[in-house]
Structure formats: structure tokens, C-alpha cells
Amino acid sequence: MPLHHEVHGHGRPGAPSLLLSSGLGGSANFWKPQIPALVAAGWCVVAYDQRGTGRSPEALKADYAIADMARDVVEVLNATDTAQCVVIGHALGGLVGLQLALDAPDRVAGLVLVNAWSKPNPHSARCFDARLALLGAVGPRAYVEAQPIFLYPAAWCAEHADDVQAEVDHAFAHFPGEANMRARIGALRAFDVDAELGRIAVPTLVAAAMDDVLVPWTMSQRLAEGLPHAILDRVPHGGHAHSVTEADTFNATLLAFLAKTGAH
């Protein structure tokens, strides 16, 4: 089944498009704080709902892997006549970008990896164990109610309580099903390209929030150290989804990086 995708802006001749790949939620809507700024800067932006989520409903096989998600991106690139792109990926979406750069390097002009990682770590594993236990024992409602704890700083959640609750209600109404969620979490937990980072030679921005409670910022530091042409941007505050909670700061860093890649 074709994946839901959308194209924003027209870009400039000869410049790669930007492919936005979200995290575990899988929705193109995650990038609403970025899309207008990117289009205003003259980029062509491709966003999509990942297979088995949102507007791309499908039952996933139990052994669904990040490599499958990378092949899904190739489908989106082909469907949008996108020869080459800069992949901007949040968490799981960053893993997809890394895998795509390894499997189809000719399609990747650059990477932006937001609170991502190259191999499993015990802290994130503990968080996912707790989330899966909650899903299995209590159900989807409890699972999505807990989600903001892992995404956002506590003070931001309190200040934006109505927006957070609306997001939780939307996530519950569009929950992809326990089997799909377990398959997606299984895929990200199995991901390990740590020994292959040296093969990824494209310009890369590694963006990390140091108060991320789900993924230690040191995993981003490891990425930046292992990738041949990476720079690490650390912000002290913003949580796992700091592209949302600190959007203006994140967007400024993102646009500056894209301008320096020489592709635009």
C-alpha cells in the first residue's frame, strides 16, 4: 500500500529536497513547527506518515525492521520524483536516515539526526520496557497518557497542558494498535549500526537536548564522534522533542546547517 506523503514548497533547481522522518509516532504532523520555516527558506519539503501509523494504516510484520523503514523512504522518494534528499529524522526517524545512508547512499545528500542513536543503550531500554509493560497491562489509553513524560520537559507540559492533552487524545483516537507499536519498538531496539558509522560520509547535523529523559544526549555525542563529517549541536533544555518545545532555536540551527551544506 502506498504511504501517505505530502510535498511542501518547490525548492530550487539542483538543490536536494528535505525528507522529514518522525519518531515513534510516525506522523508527518510532528514537523508542523519546521515546515513553514523550511518552505519560506526556499526548500522543497517531503513529509510522510510511516507505514502502520496515521494515514498509512497497515498491519506490520512482527520482525519489521529499520531496514524496512528505509525501503519505505525509497518508495516515497520515487513517488515524489525525488532523486536525492537531506533526511531530517527525529529519534526513530534518525535511525531510518542512517540506514538509508548505508543502503542507498546515492539518495542521501545530508543528514539531520535529532536525539538519535547508533546502538542500544540500557537507559532507553528501561524506558521502553516500562512503556510496553504499561501498554500490555493497562492498555493504549495509559500508554499515550504517559507519552508526554518521555517527550517534553515537565515545566513545558504544565505550561501547555491543554495542547498536551489534545495531543494525547489524538494519539489515542489514532492509536495504530498494540501489535504495530510493539513491532515498531522492536525495530528501534534492535537497531545497531555503530560499527558502520565511518561509511556515512555526508554532512550531518547531530542535534541533542541534554535534558532528554528517553535518550541520553551522550548517544548523540557518540554519533557525532563516529560520523566522519558531523557536527554536534547541544541545547541544555527542550526534552526529547526539543524541535517542538524549542522550535525557534532548533529551526535557526537547522537552517544554518542546511545553508552551509553547499546544496542550497
Protein backbone atom coordinates (compact mmCIF):
# COMPACT_ATOMS: atom_id res chain seq x y z
CA MET A 1 0.00 0.00 0.00
CA PRO A 2 1.43 3.46 -0.91
CA LEU A 3 2.42 5.57 2.07
CA HIS A 4 0.67 8.86 2.74
CA HIS A 5 3.03 11.65 1.80
CA GLU A 6 2.87 15.37 1.18
CA VAL A 7 5.12 17.84 -0.63
CA HIS A 8 5.51 21.43 0.55
CA GLY A 9 7.24 24.12 -1.49
CA HIS A 10 9.06 23.81 -4.78
CA GLY A 11 12.72 24.16 -3.86
CA ARG A 12 15.40 25.44 -6.20
CA PRO A 13 16.81 23.78 -9.30
CA GLY A 14 19.65 21.44 -8.44
CA ALA A 15 19.03 21.52 -4.69
CA PRO A 16 18.04 18.30 -2.89
CA SER A 17 14.66 18.08 -1.23
CA LEU A 18 14.29 17.65 2.51
CA LEU A 19 12.72 14.39 3.70
CA LEU A 20 11.18 14.62 7.17
CA SER A 21 11.00 11.35 9.10
CA SER A 22 9.36 11.43 12.51
CA GLY A 23 9.95 9.31 15.59
CA LEU A 24 7.91 6.53 17.13
CA GLY A 25 4.58 8.27 16.49
CA GLY A 26 5.30 8.11 12.76
CA SER A 27 3.21 11.13 11.73
CA ALA A 28 4.17 13.89 9.30
CA ASN A 29 2.31 16.26 11.63
CA PHE A 30 5.23 16.10 14.08
CA TRP A 31 7.06 18.54 11.78
CA LYS A 32 4.47 21.35 11.81
CA PRO A 33 6.88 23.64 13.71
CA GLN A 34 9.51 23.22 10.96
CA ILE A 35 7.68 23.02 7.62
CA PRO A 36 6.70 26.71 7.23
CA ALA A 37 10.22 27.92 8.07
CA LEU A 38 11.81 25.45 5.66
CA VAL A 39 9.45 26.34 2.83
CA ALA A 40 9.98 30.06 3.48
CA ALA A 41 13.72 29.47 3.14
CA GLY A 42 13.17 28.03 -0.31
CA TRP A 43 13.32 24.30 0.32
CA CYS A 44 11.13 21.58 -1.11
CA VAL A 45 9.94 19.51 1.85
CA VAL A 46 8.62 15.93 1.71
CA ALA A 47 6.86 14.56 4.77
CA TYR A 48 5.12 11.22 5.22
CA ASP A 49 3.26 9.01 7.66
CA GLN A 50 5.30 5.91 8.35
CA ARG A 51 3.90 2.50 7.47
CA GLY A 52 1.48 1.23 10.08
CA THR A 53 0.78 4.68 11.54
CA GLY A 54 -1.62 7.56 10.95
CA ARG A 55 -2.74 7.87 7.32
CA SER A 56 -0.59 4.91 6.26
CA PRO A 57 -2.52 2.12 8.03
CA GLU A 58 -1.22 -1.39 7.61
CA ALA A 59 -0.57 -4.39 9.85
CA LEU A 60 3.18 -4.71 10.32
CA LYS A 61 5.01 -8.00 10.47
CA ALA A 62 6.42 -8.82 13.89
CA ASP A 63 10.02 -8.63 12.66
CA TYR A 64 9.58 -5.26 10.93
CA ALA A 65 12.99 -3.58 10.93
CA ILE A 66 14.57 -0.18 10.43
CA ALA A 67 15.85 -1.50 7.08
CA ASP A 68 12.20 -1.97 6.04
CA MET A 69 11.50 1.63 7.04
CA ALA A 70 14.46 2.79 4.92
CA ARG A 71 13.00 0.94 1.92
CA ASP A 72 9.70 2.70 2.63
CA VAL A 73 11.53 6.03 2.32
CA VAL A 74 12.87 4.98 -1.08
CA GLU A 75 9.24 4.37 -2.13
CA VAL A 76 8.32 7.89 -1.01
CA LEU A 77 11.32 9.39 -2.83
CA ASN A 78 10.38 7.55 -6.01
CA ALA A 79 6.73 8.54 -5.71
CA THR A 80 7.68 12.22 -5.40
CA ASP A 81 10.37 12.11 -8.12
CA THR A 82 12.98 12.99 -5.51
CA ALA A 83 16.40 11.94 -6.74
CA GLN A 84 18.28 12.97 -3.61
CA CYS A 85 17.37 14.39 -0.23
CA VAL A 86 18.64 15.59 3.10
CA VAL A 87 16.97 13.33 5.67
CA ILE A 88 15.84 15.16 8.80
CA GLY A 89 14.94 12.47 11.31
CA HIS A 90 13.76 12.59 14.91
CA ALA A 91 14.77 9.62 17.09
CA LEU A 92 13.49 6.57 15.17
CA GLY A 93 13.38 8.77 12.08
CA GLY A 94 17.07 9.47 12.55
CA LEU A 95 17.76 5.74 12.58
CA VAL A 96 15.90 5.48 9.29
CA GLY A 97 18.14 8.20 7.88
CA LEU A 98 21.29 6.40 8.99
CA GLN A 99 20.07 3.14 7.47
CA LEU A 100 19.15 4.85 4.21
CA ALA A 101 22.60 6.45 4.02
CA LEU A 102 24.12 2.97 4.34
CA ASP A 103 21.74 1.16 1.97
CA ALA A 104 21.13 3.82 -0.69
CA PRO A 105 23.91 6.41 -0.32
CA ASP A 106 23.18 7.96 -3.72
CA ARG A 107 19.78 9.12 -2.43
CA VAL A 108 21.16 10.95 0.64
CA ALA A 109 22.83 14.38 0.39
CA GLY A 110 22.95 15.00 4.12
CA LEU A 111 21.52 14.02 7.50
CA VAL A 112 20.00 15.82 10.46
CA LEU A 113 19.74 13.45 13.42
CA VAL A 114 17.62 14.70 16.33
CA ASN A 115 18.07 12.84 19.63
CA ALA A 116 19.01 9.69 17.75
CA TRP A 117 21.47 6.87 18.40
CA SER A 118 23.67 4.27 16.70
CA LYS A 119 23.24 1.35 19.09
CA PRO A 120 21.05 0.30 22.03
CA ASN A 121 21.66 1.66 25.50
CA PRO A 122 20.39 0.36 28.86
CA HIS A 123 18.59 3.54 29.93
CA SER A 124 16.41 3.77 26.83
CA ALA A 125 15.78 0.04 27.09
CA ARG A 126 14.46 0.54 30.63
CA CYS A 127 12.11 3.29 29.39
CA PHE A 128 10.76 1.11 26.59
CA ASP A 129 10.32 -1.83 28.95
CA ALA A 130 8.20 0.37 31.20
CA ARG A 131 6.14 1.72 28.30
CA LEU A 132 5.49 -1.74 26.89
CA ALA A 133 4.55 -3.06 30.32
CA LEU A 134 2.06 -0.21 30.67
CA LEU A 135 0.63 -0.93 27.22
CA GLY A 136 0.24 -4.64 27.96
CA ALA A 137 -1.12 -4.37 31.48
CA VAL A 138 -3.35 -1.30 31.25
CA GLY A 139 -3.82 -0.60 27.56
CA PRO A 140 -3.41 2.10 24.91
CA ARG A 141 -5.01 4.93 26.89
CA ALA A 142 -2.47 4.65 29.69
CA TYR A 143 0.32 4.27 27.15
CA VAL A 144 -0.49 7.52 25.37
CA GLU A 145 -1.18 9.39 28.62
CA ALA A 146 2.40 8.57 29.68
CA GLN A 147 3.92 9.59 26.35
CA PRO A 148 4.43 13.32 27.15
CA ILE A 149 6.57 12.36 30.15
CA PHE A 150 9.14 10.96 27.74
CA LEU A 151 8.78 13.68 25.08
CA TYR A 152 8.66 17.01 26.89
CA PRO A 153 10.13 18.78 29.94
CA ALA A 154 7.77 18.85 32.94
CA ALA A 155 7.55 22.65 33.04
CA TRP A 156 6.68 22.80 29.34
CA CYS A 157 3.96 20.17 29.80
CA ALA A 158 2.45 22.14 32.67
CA GLU A 159 2.56 25.40 30.71
CA HIS A 160 0.98 23.79 27.63
CA ALA A 161 -1.39 21.43 29.44
CA ASP A 162 -4.33 21.88 27.07
CA ASP A 163 -2.21 21.31 23.97
CA VAL A 164 -0.58 18.26 25.54
CA GLN A 165 -3.96 16.76 26.45
CA ALA A 166 -5.28 17.39 22.94
CA GLU A 167 -2.22 15.63 21.54
CA VAL A 168 -2.76 12.68 23.89
CA ASP A 169 -6.43 12.43 22.91
CA HIS A 170 -5.49 12.50 19.22
CA ALA A 171 -2.85 9.82 19.76
CA PHE A 172 -5.40 7.60 21.49
CA ALA A 173 -8.00 8.12 18.76
CA HIS A 174 -5.43 7.17 16.10
CA PHE A 175 -3.51 4.52 18.03
CA PRO A 176 -2.06 2.07 15.47
CA GLY A 177 -2.73 -1.00 17.60
CA GLU A 178 -0.62 -2.85 20.13
CA ALA A 179 0.91 -5.24 17.59
CA ASN A 180 2.13 -2.41 15.36
CA MET A 181 3.50 -0.48 18.29
CA ARG A 182 5.39 -3.50 19.56
CA ALA A 183 6.80 -4.14 16.08
CA ARG A 184 7.99 -0.53 15.77
CA ILE A 185 9.57 -0.50 19.21
CA GLY A 186 11.17 -3.86 18.47
CA ALA A 187 12.68 -2.39 15.30
CA LEU A 188 14.28 0.56 17.03
CA ARG A 189 15.52 -1.57 19.92
CA ALA A 190 17.28 -3.95 17.51
CA PHE A 191 18.97 -1.16 15.55
CA ASP A 192 22.77 -1.15 15.73
CA VAL A 193 24.98 0.47 13.09
CA ASP A 194 27.65 1.66 15.50
CA ALA A 195 30.43 -0.20 13.68
CA GLU A 196 29.35 1.19 10.30
CA LEU A 197 29.21 4.91 11.06
CA GLY A 198 32.51 5.53 9.31
CA ARG A 199 30.88 4.60 5.99
CA ILE A 200 28.46 7.52 6.17
CA ALA A 201 30.34 10.42 4.60
CA VAL A 202 27.59 13.01 4.07
CA PRO A 203 27.42 16.29 6.02
CA THR A 204 25.50 15.64 9.22
CA LEU A 205 23.99 17.76 11.96
CA VAL A 206 23.53 15.85 15.20
CA ALA A 207 21.09 17.74 17.43
CA ALA A 208 20.62 16.79 21.08
CA ALA A 209 18.83 18.11 24.14
CA MET A 210 20.79 17.45 27.30
CA ASP A 211 17.62 17.02 29.38
CA ASP A 212 16.18 14.28 27.15
CA VAL A 213 14.81 11.69 29.60
CA LEU A 214 14.36 8.96 26.98
CA VAL A 215 17.63 9.03 25.02
CA PRO A 216 20.81 10.14 26.81
CA TRP A 217 22.46 13.04 24.96
CA THR A 218 25.70 11.09 25.11
CA MET A 219 24.27 8.82 22.40
CA SER A 220 24.21 11.86 20.11
CA GLN A 221 27.76 12.64 21.13
CA ARG A 222 28.73 9.12 20.11
CA LEU A 223 27.07 9.62 16.74
CA ALA A 224 28.94 12.85 16.16
CA GLU A 225 32.24 11.23 17.08
CA GLY A 226 31.64 8.23 14.82
CA LEU A 227 30.38 10.03 11.71
CA PRO A 228 33.20 11.46 9.55
CA HIS A 229 31.53 14.80 8.74
CA ALA A 230 29.24 15.52 11.67
CA ILE A 231 28.79 18.48 13.97
CA LEU A 232 27.09 18.20 17.34
CA ASP A 233 24.62 20.83 18.48
CA ARG A 234 23.67 20.51 22.14
CA VAL A 235 20.95 22.53 23.84
CA PRO A 236 20.52 22.42 27.62
CA HIS A 237 16.72 22.29 27.60
CA GLY A 238 13.84 21.06 25.50
CA GLY A 239 13.48 17.35 26.15
CA HIS A 240 13.26 14.51 23.66
CA ALA A 241 11.11 16.58 21.30
CA HIS A 242 13.08 19.82 21.53
CA SER A 243 12.31 20.52 17.86
CA VAL A 244 8.79 21.18 19.19
CA THR A 245 9.42 22.74 22.58
CA GLU A 246 12.30 24.96 21.41
CA ALA A 247 11.25 25.25 17.77
CA ASP A 248 12.67 28.72 17.06
CA THR A 249 16.11 27.79 18.36
CA PHE A 250 16.07 24.44 16.60
CA ASN A 251 14.89 25.95 13.30
CA ALA A 252 17.65 28.57 13.33
CA THR A 253 20.29 25.87 13.83
CA LEU A 254 18.72 23.67 11.17
CA LEU A 255 18.54 26.44 8.56
CA ALA A 256 22.12 27.49 9.25
CA PHE A 257 23.32 23.91 8.76
CA LEU A 258 21.37 23.49 5.53
CA ALA A 259 22.79 26.75 4.19
CA LYS A 260 26.32 25.53 4.91
CA THR A 261 25.92 22.17 3.15
CA GLY A 262 26.52 23.93 -0.17
CA ALA A 263 23.48 22.26 -1.70
CA HIS A 264 21.30 25.34 -1.40
